[in-house]
Amino acid sequence: MRYAEVLLNYAEAKQELGTFNDVDWSKTVGALRARAGISDGANVLPTKVDTYLKNTFFPGISNPVMLEIRRERQGS
C-alpha cells in the first residue's frame, strides 16, 4: 500500500465521521499537493463545490471536502 493511499484513507474516514478539520487537511491532502508542487489549496479546506467534478464524476457527492479527497484519490 502506498503512503498516499494511507493519507487519503485517513482523510476520507475522518470526513465521513465529521471530524475532519484544517489540520487534518494540511497533513493529508495538503501534504500530497505540496509533494506534487501544488500550493493552491494545500492548507485550507475547500468551501466551494467544483461543479464539473461533481456533475461528471461524482453526482452523488455534494460536500466540497469529500469531492477534493476523491479528486486526489483519482490522481494517486
N, C-alpha and C. Protein backbone atom coordinates (compact mmCIF):
# COMPACT_ATOMS: atom_id res chain seq x y z
N MET A 1 0.86 -1.17 0.00
CA MET A 1 0.00 0.00 0.00
C MET A 1 0.91 1.24 0.00
N ARG A 2 0.57 2.18 -0.84
CA ARG A 2 1.36 3.42 -0.93
C ARG A 2 0.95 4.39 0.17
N TYR A 3 1.92 5.23 0.55
CA TYR A 3 1.67 6.20 1.61
C TYR A 3 0.55 7.17 1.23
N ALA A 4 0.47 7.55 -0.03
CA ALA A 4 -0.60 8.45 -0.48
C ALA A 4 -1.96 7.82 -0.22
N GLU A 5 -2.07 6.53 -0.45
CA GLU A 5 -3.33 5.83 -0.21
C GLU A 5 -3.68 5.83 1.28
N VAL A 6 -2.70 5.66 2.13
CA VAL A 6 -2.92 5.71 3.58
C VAL A 6 -3.45 7.08 3.98
N LEU A 7 -2.82 8.14 3.48
CA LEU A 7 -3.25 9.50 3.81
C LEU A 7 -4.68 9.76 3.34
N LEU A 8 -5.00 9.31 2.14
CA LEU A 8 -6.35 9.52 1.60
C LEU A 8 -7.39 8.68 2.34
N ASN A 9 -7.03 7.47 2.75
CA ASN A 9 -7.95 6.66 3.55
C ASN A 9 -8.26 7.35 4.87
N TYR A 10 -7.22 7.89 5.50
CA TYR A 10 -7.38 8.61 6.77
C TYR A 10 -8.27 9.83 6.58
N ALA A 11 -8.00 10.61 5.54
CA ALA A 11 -8.78 11.82 5.27
C ALA A 11 -10.25 11.47 5.01
N GLU A 12 -10.47 10.47 4.21
CA GLU A 12 -11.84 10.09 3.87
C GLU A 12 -12.59 9.58 5.11
N ALA A 13 -11.93 8.78 5.92
CA ALA A 13 -12.57 8.26 7.14
C ALA A 13 -12.93 9.40 8.10
N LYS A 14 -11.99 10.33 8.32
CA LYS A 14 -12.26 11.46 9.20
C LYS A 14 -13.39 12.32 8.66
N GLN A 15 -13.44 12.51 7.35
CA GLN A 15 -14.52 13.30 6.74
C GLN A 15 -15.86 12.59 6.93
N GLU A 16 -15.89 11.29 6.72
CA GLU A 16 -17.12 10.53 6.90
C GLU A 16 -17.61 10.59 8.35
N LEU A 17 -16.68 10.64 9.30
CA LEU A 17 -17.04 10.73 10.72
C LEU A 17 -17.43 12.14 11.15
N GLY A 18 -17.13 13.12 10.29
CA GLY A 18 -17.46 14.51 10.60
C GLY A 18 -16.45 15.18 11.52
N THR A 19 -15.25 14.64 11.58
CA THR A 19 -14.22 15.21 12.46
C THR A 19 -13.04 15.78 11.68
N PHE A 20 -13.15 15.88 10.39
CA PHE A 20 -12.06 16.39 9.54
C PHE A 20 -11.96 17.90 9.68
N ASN A 21 -10.73 18.42 9.83
CA ASN A 21 -10.55 19.87 10.01
C ASN A 21 -9.35 20.36 9.19
N ASP A 22 -9.02 21.64 9.32
CA ASP A 22 -7.91 22.23 8.56
C ASP A 22 -6.58 21.55 8.83
N VAL A 23 -6.33 21.16 10.06
CA VAL A 23 -5.07 20.50 10.40
C VAL A 23 -4.99 19.14 9.69
N ASP A 24 -6.09 18.40 9.72
CA ASP A 24 -6.12 17.11 9.01
C ASP A 24 -5.91 17.30 7.52
N TRP A 25 -6.54 18.34 6.97
CA TRP A 25 -6.38 18.64 5.54
C TRP A 25 -4.91 18.89 5.21
N SER A 26 -4.25 19.72 6.01
CA SER A 26 -2.84 20.05 5.76
C SER A 26 -1.94 18.82 5.83
N LYS A 27 -2.25 17.92 6.75
CA LYS A 27 -1.42 16.73 6.95
C LYS A 27 -1.69 15.62 5.95
N THR A 28 -2.80 15.70 5.25
CA THR A 28 -3.15 14.63 4.31
C THR A 28 -3.15 15.15 2.87
N VAL A 29 -4.25 15.74 2.46
CA VAL A 29 -4.38 16.23 1.09
C VAL A 29 -3.36 17.34 0.83
N GLY A 30 -3.17 18.22 1.79
CA GLY A 30 -2.19 19.30 1.63
C GLY A 30 -0.79 18.77 1.43
N ALA A 31 -0.44 17.73 2.18
CA ALA A 31 0.90 17.13 2.04
C ALA A 31 1.08 16.52 0.65
N LEU A 32 0.04 15.87 0.15
CA LEU A 32 0.12 15.28 -1.19
C LEU A 32 0.24 16.35 -2.26
N ARG A 33 -0.53 17.42 -2.10
CA ARG A 33 -0.46 18.51 -3.07
C ARG A 33 0.89 19.21 -3.01
N ALA A 34 1.41 19.42 -1.82
CA ALA A 34 2.72 20.06 -1.68
C ALA A 34 3.81 19.21 -2.33
N ARG A 35 3.73 17.90 -2.14
CA ARG A 35 4.70 16.99 -2.74
C ARG A 35 4.65 17.06 -4.26
N ALA A 36 3.46 17.33 -4.79
CA ALA A 36 3.29 17.43 -6.25
C ALA A 36 3.60 18.83 -6.77
N GLY A 37 3.94 19.76 -5.85
CA GLY A 37 4.27 21.12 -6.27
C GLY A 37 3.05 22.02 -6.42
N ILE A 38 1.93 21.60 -5.86
CA ILE A 38 0.70 22.39 -5.94
C ILE A 38 0.53 23.11 -4.60
N SER A 39 0.61 24.42 -4.63
CA SER A 39 0.49 25.17 -3.38
C SER A 39 -0.92 25.69 -3.15
N ASP A 40 -1.69 25.83 -4.21
CA ASP A 40 -3.05 26.36 -4.08
C ASP A 40 -3.95 25.35 -3.38
N GLY A 41 -4.56 25.75 -2.28
CA GLY A 41 -5.48 24.90 -1.55
C GLY A 41 -4.84 23.82 -0.72
N ALA A 42 -3.56 23.97 -0.41
CA ALA A 42 -2.87 22.93 0.35
C ALA A 42 -3.13 23.03 1.85
N ASN A 43 -3.52 24.19 2.35
CA ASN A 43 -3.64 24.35 3.80
C ASN A 43 -5.03 24.71 4.30
N VAL A 44 -5.98 24.89 3.40
CA VAL A 44 -7.32 25.31 3.80
C VAL A 44 -8.36 24.39 3.17
N LEU A 45 -9.33 23.99 3.96
CA LEU A 45 -10.41 23.15 3.44
C LEU A 45 -11.17 23.86 2.32
N PRO A 46 -11.54 23.15 1.28
CA PRO A 46 -12.32 23.76 0.21
C PRO A 46 -13.73 24.10 0.71
N THR A 47 -14.28 25.17 0.22
CA THR A 47 -15.62 25.60 0.63
C THR A 47 -16.61 25.61 -0.53
N LYS A 48 -16.11 25.53 -1.76
CA LYS A 48 -16.98 25.56 -2.93
C LYS A 48 -16.90 24.24 -3.68
N VAL A 49 -18.04 23.79 -4.15
CA VAL A 49 -18.10 22.56 -4.94
C VAL A 49 -17.62 22.83 -6.35
N ASP A 50 -16.73 21.99 -6.83
CA ASP A 50 -16.31 22.03 -8.24
C ASP A 50 -17.42 21.34 -9.03
N THR A 51 -18.23 22.13 -9.71
CA THR A 51 -19.41 21.58 -10.38
C THR A 51 -19.06 20.58 -11.49
N TYR A 52 -17.96 20.82 -12.19
CA TYR A 52 -17.55 19.87 -13.23
C TYR A 52 -17.23 18.51 -12.61
N LEU A 53 -16.44 18.52 -11.55
CA LEU A 53 -16.06 17.29 -10.87
C LEU A 53 -17.31 16.57 -10.35
N LYS A 54 -18.19 17.31 -9.73
CA LYS A 54 -19.41 16.73 -9.18
C LYS A 54 -20.29 16.15 -10.28
N ASN A 55 -20.59 16.94 -11.28
CA ASN A 55 -21.52 16.51 -12.33
C ASN A 55 -20.96 15.40 -13.20
N THR A 56 -19.65 15.43 -13.45
CA THR A 56 -19.05 14.46 -14.37
C THR A 56 -18.68 13.14 -13.69
N PHE A 57 -18.13 13.21 -12.49
CA PHE A 57 -17.59 12.00 -11.87
C PHE A 57 -18.32 11.55 -10.59
N PHE A 58 -18.80 12.48 -9.80
CA PHE A 58 -19.39 12.14 -8.50
C PHE A 58 -20.73 12.83 -8.29
N PRO A 59 -21.75 12.50 -9.07
CA PRO A 59 -23.03 13.21 -8.95
C PRO A 59 -23.71 13.03 -7.60
N GLY A 60 -23.37 12.01 -6.86
CA GLY A 60 -23.99 11.76 -5.57
C GLY A 60 -23.32 12.46 -4.40
N ILE A 61 -22.23 13.19 -4.65
CA ILE A 61 -21.50 13.85 -3.57
C ILE A 61 -21.63 15.36 -3.72
N SER A 62 -22.05 16.03 -2.67
CA SER A 62 -22.18 17.49 -2.73
C SER A 62 -21.29 18.20 -1.71
N ASN A 63 -20.51 17.44 -0.94
CA ASN A 63 -19.60 18.03 0.04
C ASN A 63 -18.29 18.40 -0.65
N PRO A 64 -17.88 19.67 -0.61
CA PRO A 64 -16.67 20.08 -1.33
C PRO A 64 -15.40 19.40 -0.82
N VAL A 65 -15.33 19.09 0.46
CA VAL A 65 -14.15 18.43 1.00
C VAL A 65 -14.05 17.00 0.47
N MET A 66 -15.16 16.27 0.52
CA MET A 66 -15.15 14.89 0.03
C MET A 66 -14.86 14.85 -1.47
N LEU A 67 -15.38 15.80 -2.22
CA LEU A 67 -15.08 15.86 -3.65
C LEU A 67 -13.58 16.01 -3.89
N GLU A 68 -12.94 16.86 -3.13
CA GLU A 68 -11.49 17.07 -3.31
C GLU A 68 -10.69 15.85 -2.87
N ILE A 69 -11.14 15.17 -1.83
CA ILE A 69 -10.46 13.93 -1.42
C ILE A 69 -10.58 12.90 -2.54
N ARG A 70 -11.76 12.80 -3.13
CA ARG A 70 -11.95 11.85 -4.23
C ARG A 70 -11.12 12.25 -5.45
N ARG A 71 -10.99 13.56 -5.70
CA ARG A 71 -10.14 14.03 -6.80
C ARG A 71 -8.69 13.55 -6.59
N GLU A 72 -8.22 13.72 -5.37
CA GLU A 72 -6.84 13.30 -5.05
C GLU A 72 -6.68 11.80 -5.18
N ARG A 73 -7.70 11.06 -4.80
CA ARG A 73 -7.63 9.60 -4.90
C ARG A 73 -7.48 9.16 -6.36
N GLN A 74 -8.14 9.86 -7.28
CA GLN A 74 -8.04 9.51 -8.69
C GLN A 74 -6.62 9.72 -9.23
N GLY A 75 -5.92 10.69 -8.66
CA GLY A 75 -4.58 11.01 -9.15
C GLY A 75 -3.48 10.23 -8.46
N SER A 76 -3.82 9.55 -7.37
CA SER A 76 -2.74 8.88 -6.62
C SER A 76 -2.45 7.50 -7.16
